[in-house]
N, C-alpha and C. Protein backbone atom coordinates (compact mmCIF):
# COMPACT_ATOMS: atom_id res chain seq x y z
N MET A 1 20.57 -14.15 15.28
CA MET A 1 20.80 -15.18 16.28
C MET A 1 21.70 -16.27 15.71
N ALA A 2 21.52 -16.59 14.43
CA ALA A 2 22.34 -17.64 13.82
C ALA A 2 23.81 -17.27 13.92
N LEU A 3 24.13 -16.01 13.69
CA LEU A 3 25.53 -15.58 13.78
C LEU A 3 26.02 -15.64 15.22
N THR A 4 25.17 -15.25 16.15
CA THR A 4 25.53 -15.28 17.57
C THR A 4 25.89 -16.70 18.01
N TYR A 5 25.12 -17.67 17.56
CA TYR A 5 25.31 -19.06 18.01
C TYR A 5 26.05 -19.93 16.99
N LYS A 6 26.67 -19.26 16.00
CA LYS A 6 27.50 -19.95 15.00
C LYS A 6 26.75 -21.09 14.29
N VAL A 7 25.55 -20.75 13.83
CA VAL A 7 24.72 -21.67 13.06
C VAL A 7 24.75 -21.20 11.61
N ASN A 8 24.74 -22.12 10.68
CA ASN A 8 24.77 -21.81 9.26
C ASN A 8 23.69 -20.77 8.93
N ALA A 9 24.14 -19.59 8.53
CA ALA A 9 23.22 -18.48 8.28
C ALA A 9 22.29 -18.77 7.09
N GLU A 10 22.79 -19.43 6.06
CA GLU A 10 21.95 -19.75 4.91
C GLU A 10 20.82 -20.70 5.31
N ALA A 11 21.14 -21.68 6.13
CA ALA A 11 20.11 -22.61 6.61
C ALA A 11 19.08 -21.87 7.46
N ALA A 12 19.56 -20.93 8.28
CA ALA A 12 18.65 -20.15 9.14
C ALA A 12 17.72 -19.29 8.29
N VAL A 13 18.25 -18.67 7.25
CA VAL A 13 17.43 -17.85 6.37
C VAL A 13 16.40 -18.71 5.65
N GLU A 14 16.83 -19.87 5.15
CA GLU A 14 15.91 -20.78 4.46
C GLU A 14 14.76 -21.22 5.39
N ALA A 15 15.11 -21.63 6.60
CA ALA A 15 14.09 -22.06 7.56
C ALA A 15 13.17 -20.89 7.94
N ALA A 16 13.76 -19.72 8.12
CA ALA A 16 12.95 -18.55 8.50
C ALA A 16 11.97 -18.18 7.38
N LEU A 17 12.43 -18.23 6.15
CA LEU A 17 11.56 -17.87 5.03
C LEU A 17 10.42 -18.87 4.84
N LEU A 18 10.66 -20.13 5.18
CA LEU A 18 9.67 -21.17 4.91
C LEU A 18 8.89 -21.63 6.14
N HIS A 19 9.20 -21.10 7.32
CA HIS A 19 8.59 -21.65 8.53
C HIS A 19 7.06 -21.57 8.53
N ASP A 20 6.49 -20.57 7.92
CA ASP A 20 5.04 -20.42 7.89
C ASP A 20 4.44 -20.76 6.52
N TYR A 21 5.14 -21.57 5.75
CA TYR A 21 4.72 -21.90 4.39
C TYR A 21 3.29 -22.47 4.34
N ALA A 22 2.91 -23.23 5.35
CA ALA A 22 1.56 -23.84 5.37
C ALA A 22 0.60 -23.12 6.30
N ARG A 23 0.97 -21.97 6.79
CA ARG A 23 0.20 -21.24 7.82
C ARG A 23 -1.20 -20.85 7.37
N GLU A 24 -1.37 -20.57 6.11
CA GLU A 24 -2.67 -20.07 5.62
C GLU A 24 -3.59 -21.17 5.09
N LEU A 25 -3.15 -22.43 5.19
CA LEU A 25 -4.00 -23.51 4.70
C LEU A 25 -5.21 -23.70 5.62
N LYS A 26 -6.29 -24.16 5.06
CA LYS A 26 -7.50 -24.44 5.84
C LYS A 26 -7.26 -25.66 6.73
N GLU A 27 -8.02 -25.72 7.82
CA GLU A 27 -7.84 -26.79 8.81
C GLU A 27 -7.94 -28.18 8.19
N ALA A 28 -8.93 -28.40 7.35
CA ALA A 28 -9.11 -29.72 6.73
C ALA A 28 -7.91 -30.08 5.85
N GLU A 29 -7.39 -29.08 5.16
CA GLU A 29 -6.22 -29.34 4.30
C GLU A 29 -4.99 -29.65 5.14
N LEU A 30 -4.82 -28.95 6.25
CA LEU A 30 -3.70 -29.25 7.16
C LEU A 30 -3.79 -30.69 7.67
N LEU A 31 -4.99 -31.09 8.08
CA LEU A 31 -5.18 -32.45 8.58
C LEU A 31 -4.90 -33.48 7.49
N ASN A 32 -5.41 -33.25 6.29
CA ASN A 32 -5.19 -34.18 5.19
C ASN A 32 -3.72 -34.28 4.81
N LEU A 33 -3.05 -33.15 4.71
CA LEU A 33 -1.63 -33.15 4.35
C LEU A 33 -0.77 -33.78 5.44
N ALA A 34 -1.15 -33.57 6.70
CA ALA A 34 -0.41 -34.19 7.80
C ALA A 34 -0.46 -35.71 7.68
N VAL A 35 -1.63 -36.23 7.36
CA VAL A 35 -1.78 -37.68 7.17
C VAL A 35 -0.93 -38.14 5.99
N GLN A 36 -0.97 -37.39 4.87
CA GLN A 36 -0.15 -37.72 3.70
C GLN A 36 1.34 -37.73 4.05
N ALA A 37 1.73 -36.81 4.91
CA ALA A 37 3.14 -36.69 5.31
C ALA A 37 3.55 -37.80 6.28
N GLY A 38 2.59 -38.55 6.78
CA GLY A 38 2.90 -39.59 7.75
C GLY A 38 3.04 -39.07 9.17
N TRP A 39 2.54 -37.85 9.39
CA TRP A 39 2.60 -37.24 10.73
C TRP A 39 1.54 -37.89 11.61
N PRO A 40 1.91 -38.36 12.80
CA PRO A 40 0.92 -38.99 13.70
C PRO A 40 0.07 -37.92 14.39
N VAL A 41 -1.00 -37.51 13.76
CA VAL A 41 -1.87 -36.44 14.28
C VAL A 41 -2.41 -36.86 15.64
N ASN A 42 -2.20 -36.00 16.64
CA ASN A 42 -2.67 -36.32 17.99
C ASN A 42 -3.96 -35.55 18.32
N ALA A 43 -4.48 -35.79 19.51
CA ALA A 43 -5.75 -35.19 19.92
C ALA A 43 -5.68 -33.66 19.95
N VAL A 44 -4.55 -33.13 20.37
CA VAL A 44 -4.40 -31.67 20.44
C VAL A 44 -4.47 -31.07 19.03
N GLU A 45 -3.80 -31.71 18.09
CA GLU A 45 -3.78 -31.21 16.71
C GLU A 45 -5.14 -31.38 16.03
N ARG A 46 -5.91 -32.39 16.43
CA ARG A 46 -7.25 -32.54 15.88
C ARG A 46 -8.15 -31.38 16.34
N VAL A 47 -7.95 -30.94 17.57
CA VAL A 47 -8.73 -29.82 18.11
C VAL A 47 -8.22 -28.49 17.57
N THR A 48 -6.90 -28.39 17.40
CA THR A 48 -6.27 -27.16 16.93
C THR A 48 -5.38 -27.48 15.73
N PRO A 49 -5.97 -27.69 14.55
CA PRO A 49 -5.19 -28.10 13.38
C PRO A 49 -4.12 -27.09 12.95
N LEU A 50 -4.26 -25.83 13.33
CA LEU A 50 -3.24 -24.85 12.97
C LEU A 50 -1.86 -25.27 13.48
N LEU A 51 -1.81 -26.02 14.56
CA LEU A 51 -0.53 -26.51 15.08
C LEU A 51 0.18 -27.41 14.08
N LEU A 52 -0.54 -27.89 13.09
CA LEU A 52 0.06 -28.76 12.07
C LEU A 52 0.77 -27.98 10.97
N HIS A 53 0.69 -26.66 11.00
CA HIS A 53 1.31 -25.92 9.89
C HIS A 53 2.83 -26.07 9.86
N GLY A 54 3.44 -26.40 10.99
CA GLY A 54 4.88 -26.65 11.00
C GLY A 54 5.23 -27.96 10.30
N PRO A 55 4.69 -29.08 10.78
CA PRO A 55 4.97 -30.36 10.11
C PRO A 55 4.53 -30.38 8.64
N VAL A 56 3.38 -29.81 8.35
CA VAL A 56 2.91 -29.77 6.97
C VAL A 56 3.80 -28.84 6.14
N GLY A 57 4.21 -27.73 6.72
CA GLY A 57 5.11 -26.82 6.02
C GLY A 57 6.43 -27.48 5.66
N ALA A 58 6.96 -28.28 6.58
CA ALA A 58 8.21 -29.00 6.30
C ALA A 58 8.00 -30.01 5.17
N PHE A 59 6.89 -30.72 5.21
CA PHE A 59 6.54 -31.68 4.17
C PHE A 59 6.45 -30.99 2.81
N LEU A 60 5.75 -29.86 2.76
CA LEU A 60 5.57 -29.14 1.50
C LEU A 60 6.87 -28.47 1.03
N ALA A 61 7.67 -28.00 1.96
CA ALA A 61 8.96 -27.39 1.59
C ALA A 61 9.85 -28.42 0.91
N ALA A 62 9.83 -29.63 1.40
CA ALA A 62 10.62 -30.70 0.78
C ALA A 62 10.09 -31.01 -0.62
N LEU A 63 8.77 -31.06 -0.75
CA LEU A 63 8.16 -31.38 -2.05
C LEU A 63 8.27 -30.22 -3.05
N ASP A 64 7.86 -29.04 -2.60
CA ASP A 64 7.74 -27.91 -3.53
C ASP A 64 9.06 -27.22 -3.84
N PHE A 65 10.00 -27.26 -2.90
CA PHE A 65 11.27 -26.54 -3.09
C PHE A 65 12.48 -27.47 -3.05
N ASN A 66 12.21 -28.77 -2.98
CA ASN A 66 13.29 -29.76 -2.96
C ASN A 66 14.27 -29.52 -1.80
N ILE A 67 13.74 -29.07 -0.67
CA ILE A 67 14.57 -28.87 0.52
C ILE A 67 14.89 -30.25 1.09
N SER A 68 16.15 -30.53 1.27
CA SER A 68 16.54 -31.84 1.81
C SER A 68 17.35 -31.71 3.10
N ASP A 69 17.72 -30.50 3.47
CA ASP A 69 18.50 -30.28 4.69
C ASP A 69 17.65 -30.64 5.90
N LYS A 70 18.03 -31.71 6.59
CA LYS A 70 17.25 -32.21 7.73
C LYS A 70 17.07 -31.13 8.80
N GLY A 71 18.12 -30.36 9.06
CA GLY A 71 18.03 -29.32 10.08
C GLY A 71 17.02 -28.23 9.72
N VAL A 72 17.00 -27.84 8.45
CA VAL A 72 16.04 -26.83 7.99
C VAL A 72 14.62 -27.37 8.13
N LEU A 73 14.43 -28.61 7.70
CA LEU A 73 13.09 -29.21 7.77
C LEU A 73 12.64 -29.38 9.22
N GLU A 74 13.54 -29.77 10.11
CA GLU A 74 13.19 -29.91 11.53
C GLU A 74 12.84 -28.55 12.14
N ALA A 75 13.58 -27.52 11.77
CA ALA A 75 13.30 -26.18 12.30
C ALA A 75 11.91 -25.71 11.86
N ILE A 76 11.56 -25.97 10.61
CA ILE A 76 10.22 -25.62 10.12
C ILE A 76 9.18 -26.44 10.86
N LYS A 77 9.42 -27.73 10.97
CA LYS A 77 8.46 -28.67 11.55
C LYS A 77 8.09 -28.29 12.99
N PHE A 78 9.08 -27.89 13.79
CA PHE A 78 8.86 -27.70 15.22
C PHE A 78 8.87 -26.24 15.67
N HIS A 79 8.74 -25.29 14.74
CA HIS A 79 8.83 -23.89 15.13
C HIS A 79 7.65 -23.42 15.98
N THR A 80 6.57 -24.15 16.00
CA THR A 80 5.40 -23.75 16.78
C THR A 80 5.31 -24.47 18.11
N THR A 81 5.58 -25.77 18.10
CA THR A 81 5.43 -26.56 19.33
C THR A 81 6.73 -26.75 20.09
N GLY A 82 7.86 -26.68 19.37
CA GLY A 82 9.11 -27.11 19.96
C GLY A 82 9.08 -28.63 20.07
N CYS A 83 10.16 -29.21 20.54
CA CYS A 83 10.22 -30.65 20.79
C CYS A 83 11.49 -30.94 21.56
N ALA A 84 11.56 -32.09 22.17
CA ALA A 84 12.79 -32.52 22.83
C ALA A 84 13.84 -32.76 21.75
N GLY A 85 15.08 -32.51 22.07
CA GLY A 85 16.17 -32.79 21.15
C GLY A 85 16.37 -31.78 20.05
N MET A 86 15.82 -30.59 20.20
CA MET A 86 15.98 -29.56 19.16
C MET A 86 17.46 -29.19 19.02
N ASP A 87 17.90 -29.01 17.77
CA ASP A 87 19.25 -28.51 17.56
C ASP A 87 19.23 -26.98 17.62
N LYS A 88 20.39 -26.37 17.49
CA LYS A 88 20.46 -24.91 17.61
C LYS A 88 19.60 -24.20 16.57
N LEU A 89 19.62 -24.69 15.34
CA LEU A 89 18.83 -24.04 14.30
C LEU A 89 17.34 -24.07 14.65
N ALA A 90 16.84 -25.20 15.09
CA ALA A 90 15.42 -25.30 15.46
C ALA A 90 15.10 -24.37 16.63
N LYS A 91 15.99 -24.28 17.59
CA LYS A 91 15.78 -23.38 18.72
C LYS A 91 15.73 -21.93 18.26
N ILE A 92 16.62 -21.57 17.36
CA ILE A 92 16.69 -20.20 16.85
C ILE A 92 15.41 -19.84 16.10
N VAL A 93 14.93 -20.73 15.24
CA VAL A 93 13.72 -20.44 14.47
C VAL A 93 12.52 -20.35 15.40
N TYR A 94 12.44 -21.23 16.40
CA TYR A 94 11.35 -21.16 17.38
C TYR A 94 11.37 -19.79 18.07
N LEU A 95 12.54 -19.40 18.56
CA LEU A 95 12.66 -18.13 19.28
C LEU A 95 12.40 -16.94 18.37
N ALA A 96 12.96 -16.97 17.18
CA ALA A 96 12.76 -15.85 16.25
C ALA A 96 11.28 -15.66 15.93
N ASP A 97 10.57 -16.77 15.77
CA ASP A 97 9.14 -16.69 15.49
C ASP A 97 8.39 -16.12 16.70
N MET A 98 8.71 -16.58 17.86
CA MET A 98 7.99 -16.14 19.06
C MET A 98 8.33 -14.70 19.45
N LEU A 99 9.57 -14.29 19.17
CA LEU A 99 10.03 -12.99 19.67
C LEU A 99 10.14 -11.93 18.58
N GLU A 100 9.62 -12.23 17.39
CA GLU A 100 9.73 -11.26 16.30
C GLU A 100 9.12 -9.92 16.71
N PRO A 101 9.55 -8.84 16.06
CA PRO A 101 9.14 -7.49 16.50
C PRO A 101 7.64 -7.26 16.59
N GLY A 102 6.83 -7.96 15.82
CA GLY A 102 5.38 -7.76 15.87
C GLY A 102 4.70 -8.35 17.09
N ARG A 103 5.42 -9.18 17.84
CA ARG A 103 4.81 -9.83 19.01
C ARG A 103 4.75 -8.84 20.17
N LYS A 104 3.57 -8.80 20.78
CA LYS A 104 3.36 -7.89 21.92
C LYS A 104 2.68 -8.69 23.02
N PHE A 105 3.46 -9.25 23.92
CA PHE A 105 2.89 -9.93 25.07
C PHE A 105 3.72 -9.56 26.28
N PRO A 106 3.14 -9.63 27.48
CA PRO A 106 3.88 -9.24 28.68
C PRO A 106 5.16 -10.05 28.82
N GLY A 107 6.28 -9.35 28.97
CA GLY A 107 7.56 -10.01 29.17
C GLY A 107 8.39 -10.17 27.91
N VAL A 108 7.82 -9.89 26.73
CA VAL A 108 8.56 -10.10 25.49
C VAL A 108 9.83 -9.25 25.44
N GLU A 109 9.78 -8.06 26.02
CA GLU A 109 10.96 -7.17 25.98
C GLU A 109 12.13 -7.73 26.78
N LYS A 110 11.85 -8.52 27.80
CA LYS A 110 12.91 -9.17 28.58
C LYS A 110 13.43 -10.41 27.87
N LEU A 111 12.56 -11.08 27.13
CA LEU A 111 12.95 -12.31 26.45
C LEU A 111 13.81 -12.05 25.22
N ARG A 112 13.58 -10.97 24.52
CA ARG A 112 14.34 -10.70 23.30
C ARG A 112 15.84 -10.64 23.55
N PRO A 113 16.32 -9.86 24.51
CA PRO A 113 17.78 -9.86 24.73
C PRO A 113 18.29 -11.19 25.28
N LEU A 114 17.48 -11.90 26.07
CA LEU A 114 17.89 -13.19 26.61
C LEU A 114 18.19 -14.18 25.48
N ALA A 115 17.47 -14.06 24.38
CA ALA A 115 17.67 -14.96 23.24
C ALA A 115 19.08 -14.85 22.67
N TYR A 116 19.75 -13.73 22.91
CA TYR A 116 21.12 -13.53 22.41
C TYR A 116 22.17 -13.82 23.49
N GLU A 117 21.71 -14.08 24.71
CA GLU A 117 22.62 -14.34 25.82
C GLU A 117 22.70 -15.81 26.19
N ASP A 118 21.55 -16.49 26.18
CA ASP A 118 21.48 -17.89 26.61
C ASP A 118 20.35 -18.57 25.85
N LEU A 119 20.71 -19.28 24.81
CA LEU A 119 19.72 -19.89 23.91
C LEU A 119 18.76 -20.80 24.66
N ASP A 120 19.30 -21.69 25.49
CA ASP A 120 18.45 -22.65 26.19
C ASP A 120 17.57 -21.99 27.24
N GLN A 121 18.11 -21.02 27.95
CA GLN A 121 17.31 -20.33 28.95
C GLN A 121 16.19 -19.54 28.29
N ALA A 122 16.49 -18.89 27.17
CA ALA A 122 15.46 -18.15 26.45
C ALA A 122 14.38 -19.11 25.94
N LEU A 123 14.81 -20.25 25.42
CA LEU A 123 13.84 -21.23 24.92
C LEU A 123 12.97 -21.75 26.06
N LEU A 124 13.59 -22.05 27.20
CA LEU A 124 12.83 -22.52 28.36
C LEU A 124 11.79 -21.48 28.78
N LYS A 125 12.20 -20.23 28.87
CA LYS A 125 11.26 -19.17 29.28
C LYS A 125 10.13 -18.99 28.25
N CYS A 126 10.45 -19.11 26.97
CA CYS A 126 9.42 -18.97 25.94
C CYS A 126 8.46 -20.16 25.97
N LEU A 127 8.97 -21.35 26.15
CA LEU A 127 8.10 -22.52 26.26
C LEU A 127 7.18 -22.38 27.47
N GLU A 128 7.73 -21.93 28.59
CA GLU A 128 6.91 -21.76 29.79
C GLU A 128 5.85 -20.68 29.58
N HIS A 129 6.21 -19.61 28.88
CA HIS A 129 5.23 -18.57 28.59
C HIS A 129 4.09 -19.16 27.77
N THR A 130 4.44 -19.95 26.76
CA THR A 130 3.43 -20.58 25.91
C THR A 130 2.54 -21.51 26.73
N ILE A 131 3.14 -22.30 27.59
CA ILE A 131 2.38 -23.24 28.41
C ILE A 131 1.40 -22.49 29.32
N PHE A 132 1.87 -21.43 29.99
CA PHE A 132 0.98 -20.64 30.85
C PHE A 132 -0.15 -20.02 30.03
N TYR A 133 0.19 -19.49 28.85
CA TYR A 133 -0.82 -18.86 28.00
C TYR A 133 -1.88 -19.88 27.59
N VAL A 134 -1.46 -21.03 27.13
CA VAL A 134 -2.39 -22.06 26.67
C VAL A 134 -3.29 -22.51 27.82
N ILE A 135 -2.73 -22.71 29.00
CA ILE A 135 -3.53 -23.10 30.17
C ILE A 135 -4.54 -22.00 30.50
N ASN A 136 -4.08 -20.75 30.51
CA ASN A 136 -4.98 -19.64 30.83
C ASN A 136 -6.10 -19.47 29.80
N GLN A 137 -5.87 -19.93 28.57
CA GLN A 137 -6.89 -19.88 27.54
C GLN A 137 -7.83 -21.09 27.61
N GLY A 138 -7.53 -22.00 28.52
CA GLY A 138 -8.36 -23.20 28.66
C GLY A 138 -8.19 -24.18 27.53
N GLN A 139 -7.02 -24.15 26.91
CA GLN A 139 -6.75 -25.02 25.77
C GLN A 139 -5.86 -26.19 26.18
N MET A 140 -5.74 -27.14 25.26
CA MET A 140 -4.92 -28.33 25.50
C MET A 140 -3.45 -28.02 25.23
N LEU A 141 -2.58 -28.58 26.07
CA LEU A 141 -1.14 -28.44 25.86
C LEU A 141 -0.66 -29.47 24.85
N HIS A 142 0.20 -29.03 23.95
CA HIS A 142 0.77 -29.97 23.00
C HIS A 142 1.86 -30.77 23.71
N PRO A 143 1.83 -32.09 23.60
CA PRO A 143 2.83 -32.90 24.32
C PRO A 143 4.27 -32.60 23.92
N LEU A 144 4.50 -32.19 22.67
CA LEU A 144 5.87 -31.86 22.26
C LEU A 144 6.40 -30.63 23.00
N THR A 145 5.51 -29.68 23.27
CA THR A 145 5.91 -28.48 24.01
C THR A 145 6.29 -28.85 25.44
N VAL A 146 5.49 -29.70 26.06
CA VAL A 146 5.78 -30.14 27.43
C VAL A 146 7.09 -30.92 27.46
N GLU A 147 7.30 -31.81 26.48
CA GLU A 147 8.54 -32.58 26.43
C GLU A 147 9.75 -31.68 26.25
N ALA A 148 9.64 -30.68 25.39
CA ALA A 148 10.75 -29.74 25.18
C ALA A 148 11.07 -29.00 26.47
N ARG A 149 10.05 -28.52 27.13
CA ARG A 149 10.25 -27.79 28.39
C ARG A 149 10.89 -28.68 29.44
N ASN A 150 10.38 -29.91 29.57
CA ASN A 150 10.91 -30.82 30.59
C ASN A 150 12.36 -31.18 30.32
N GLU A 151 12.70 -31.39 29.07
CA GLU A 151 14.09 -31.71 28.72
C GLU A 151 15.03 -30.55 29.10
N LEU A 152 14.63 -29.33 28.75
CA LEU A 152 15.46 -28.17 29.09
C LEU A 152 15.58 -27.97 30.60
N LEU A 153 14.47 -28.15 31.29
CA LEU A 153 14.47 -28.00 32.74
C LEU A 153 15.35 -29.07 33.40
N ALA A 154 15.26 -30.31 32.93
CA ALA A 154 16.08 -31.38 33.47
C ALA A 154 17.56 -31.09 33.28
N GLU A 155 17.91 -30.57 32.13
CA GLU A 155 19.32 -30.22 31.85
C GLU A 155 19.76 -29.08 32.77
N LYS A 156 18.91 -28.10 32.93
CA LYS A 156 19.22 -26.97 33.82
C LYS A 156 19.43 -27.44 35.26
N LEU A 157 18.54 -28.31 35.74
CA LEU A 157 18.66 -28.82 37.09
C LEU A 157 19.91 -29.69 37.26
N LYS A 158 20.21 -30.46 36.23
CA LYS A 158 21.40 -31.31 36.26
C LYS A 158 22.67 -30.48 36.37
N LEU A 159 22.66 -29.31 35.74
CA LEU A 159 23.82 -28.42 35.77
C LEU A 159 23.83 -27.54 37.01
N GLY A 160 22.81 -27.67 37.84
CA GLY A 160 22.76 -26.90 39.08
C GLY A 160 22.40 -25.44 38.86
N ARG A 161 21.70 -25.16 37.76
CA ARG A 161 21.30 -23.78 37.48
C ARG A 161 19.85 -23.56 37.80
N GLY A 162 19.24 -24.48 38.55
CA GLY A 162 17.81 -24.38 38.85
C GLY A 162 17.60 -23.55 40.02
């Protein structure tokens, strides 16, 4: 995808390799490290601390591997929730994580090719899938996911593609 969208391939590889760096940490450790990192832990993350593995992973990647590339760190930070204002690299890492070959959910086969045709449309559809899934599971929506979806939808409507 990085090549398709003319994004620095080395940065994409770095972000892809490190995106789940904090994925296996225990919930208490994620919460503690998020506080150390200065991340404003919200109510959703307190209930579902695994959502903090992105921000904590970015924090640890900077510390443990001396990663200073802001784009790489942002891609790691928001690969699970998304956020408004994502750059192409962050969008690519979010999509690559959600659409990787091991994922098996209804509609994934239609989303994979879309990711190479229209980055924003694919991201919008993936965010909406996540939102529907979370609602159907009776869980809380992360505000960053809602903000990301709303920003993309507003842009789409502004361009008359709604």
